[in-house]
Amino acid sequence: KDLLEPEQKERIFVVDTLNVTCGEALLVLKAIDLINEGEEVEEIIKELGKLIPRVRLYGML
């Protein structure tokens, strides 16, 4: 955010998903759905906050 102009900063929201790649992709897709439904930014962040603890990535070696 430090590299952006002040008016651009108002449109950037940082959300710590506590996940990597696949988990983040699922949350991004949910955010897109909420945007398309016309939800406000605050509601989208709230909904993502509810989902973050439920998203898990399992891996095996």
Protein backbone atom coordinates (compact mmCIF):
# COMPACT_ATOMS: atom_id res chain seq x y z
CA LYS A 1 0.00 0.00 0.00
CA ASP A 2 2.93 2.36 0.59
CA LEU A 3 3.68 2.47 -3.14
CA LEU A 4 0.21 3.71 -4.11
CA GLU A 5 -1.22 7.17 -4.48
CA PRO A 6 -3.51 8.24 -1.59
CA GLU A 7 -6.71 7.83 -3.64
CA GLN A 8 -5.62 4.32 -4.67
CA LYS A 9 -5.00 3.26 -1.07
CA GLU A 10 -8.68 3.64 -0.28
CA ARG A 11 -9.47 0.82 -2.72
CA ILE A 12 -6.95 -1.71 -1.35
CA PHE A 13 -7.89 -3.99 1.55
CA VAL A 14 -5.44 -6.45 3.08
CA VAL A 15 -6.95 -9.66 4.44
CA ASP A 16 -4.74 -12.25 6.14
CA THR A 17 -6.27 -15.54 4.97
CA LEU A 18 -3.95 -17.66 7.11
CA ASN A 19 -3.65 -19.87 4.00
CA VAL A 20 -1.65 -20.20 0.81
CA THR A 21 -2.62 -20.56 -2.86
CA CYS A 22 -5.61 -22.96 -2.96
CA GLY A 23 -7.17 -21.62 0.20
CA GLU A 24 -6.67 -18.06 -0.93
CA ALA A 25 -8.20 -18.84 -4.31
CA LEU A 26 -11.37 -20.13 -2.65
CA LEU A 27 -11.63 -16.96 -0.58
CA VAL A 28 -11.05 -14.77 -3.63
CA LEU A 29 -13.82 -16.60 -5.49
CA LYS A 30 -16.16 -16.05 -2.54
CA ALA A 31 -15.23 -12.36 -2.48
CA ILE A 32 -16.01 -12.12 -6.20
CA ASP A 33 -19.42 -13.72 -5.60
CA LEU A 34 -20.15 -11.20 -2.84
CA ILE A 35 -19.05 -8.30 -5.05
CA ASN A 36 -21.33 -9.53 -7.82
CA GLU A 37 -24.18 -9.70 -5.30
CA GLY A 38 -23.60 -6.02 -4.55
CA GLU A 39 -22.27 -6.43 -1.00
CA GLU A 40 -20.34 -3.56 0.56
CA VAL A 41 -16.63 -3.90 1.35
CA GLU A 42 -17.21 -4.11 5.10
CA GLU A 43 -19.67 -7.00 4.67
CA ILE A 44 -17.31 -8.83 2.31
CA ILE A 45 -14.45 -8.56 4.80
CA LYS A 46 -16.77 -9.76 7.58
CA GLU A 47 -17.89 -12.80 5.55
CA LEU A 48 -14.31 -13.68 4.60
CA GLY A 49 -13.37 -13.42 8.27
CA LYS A 50 -15.98 -16.08 9.06
CA LEU A 51 -14.64 -18.40 6.37
CA ILE A 52 -10.91 -18.05 7.07
CA PRO A 53 -10.88 -20.40 10.10
CA ARG A 54 -12.74 -23.05 8.07
CA VAL A 55 -10.35 -23.18 5.10
CA ARG A 56 -7.62 -25.80 5.39
CA LEU A 57 -4.90 -27.07 3.09
CA TYR A 58 -3.70 -30.62 3.60
CA GLY A 59 -0.57 -31.97 1.99
CA MET A 60 1.36 -35.21 2.01
CA LEU A 61 4.91 -36.11 1.12
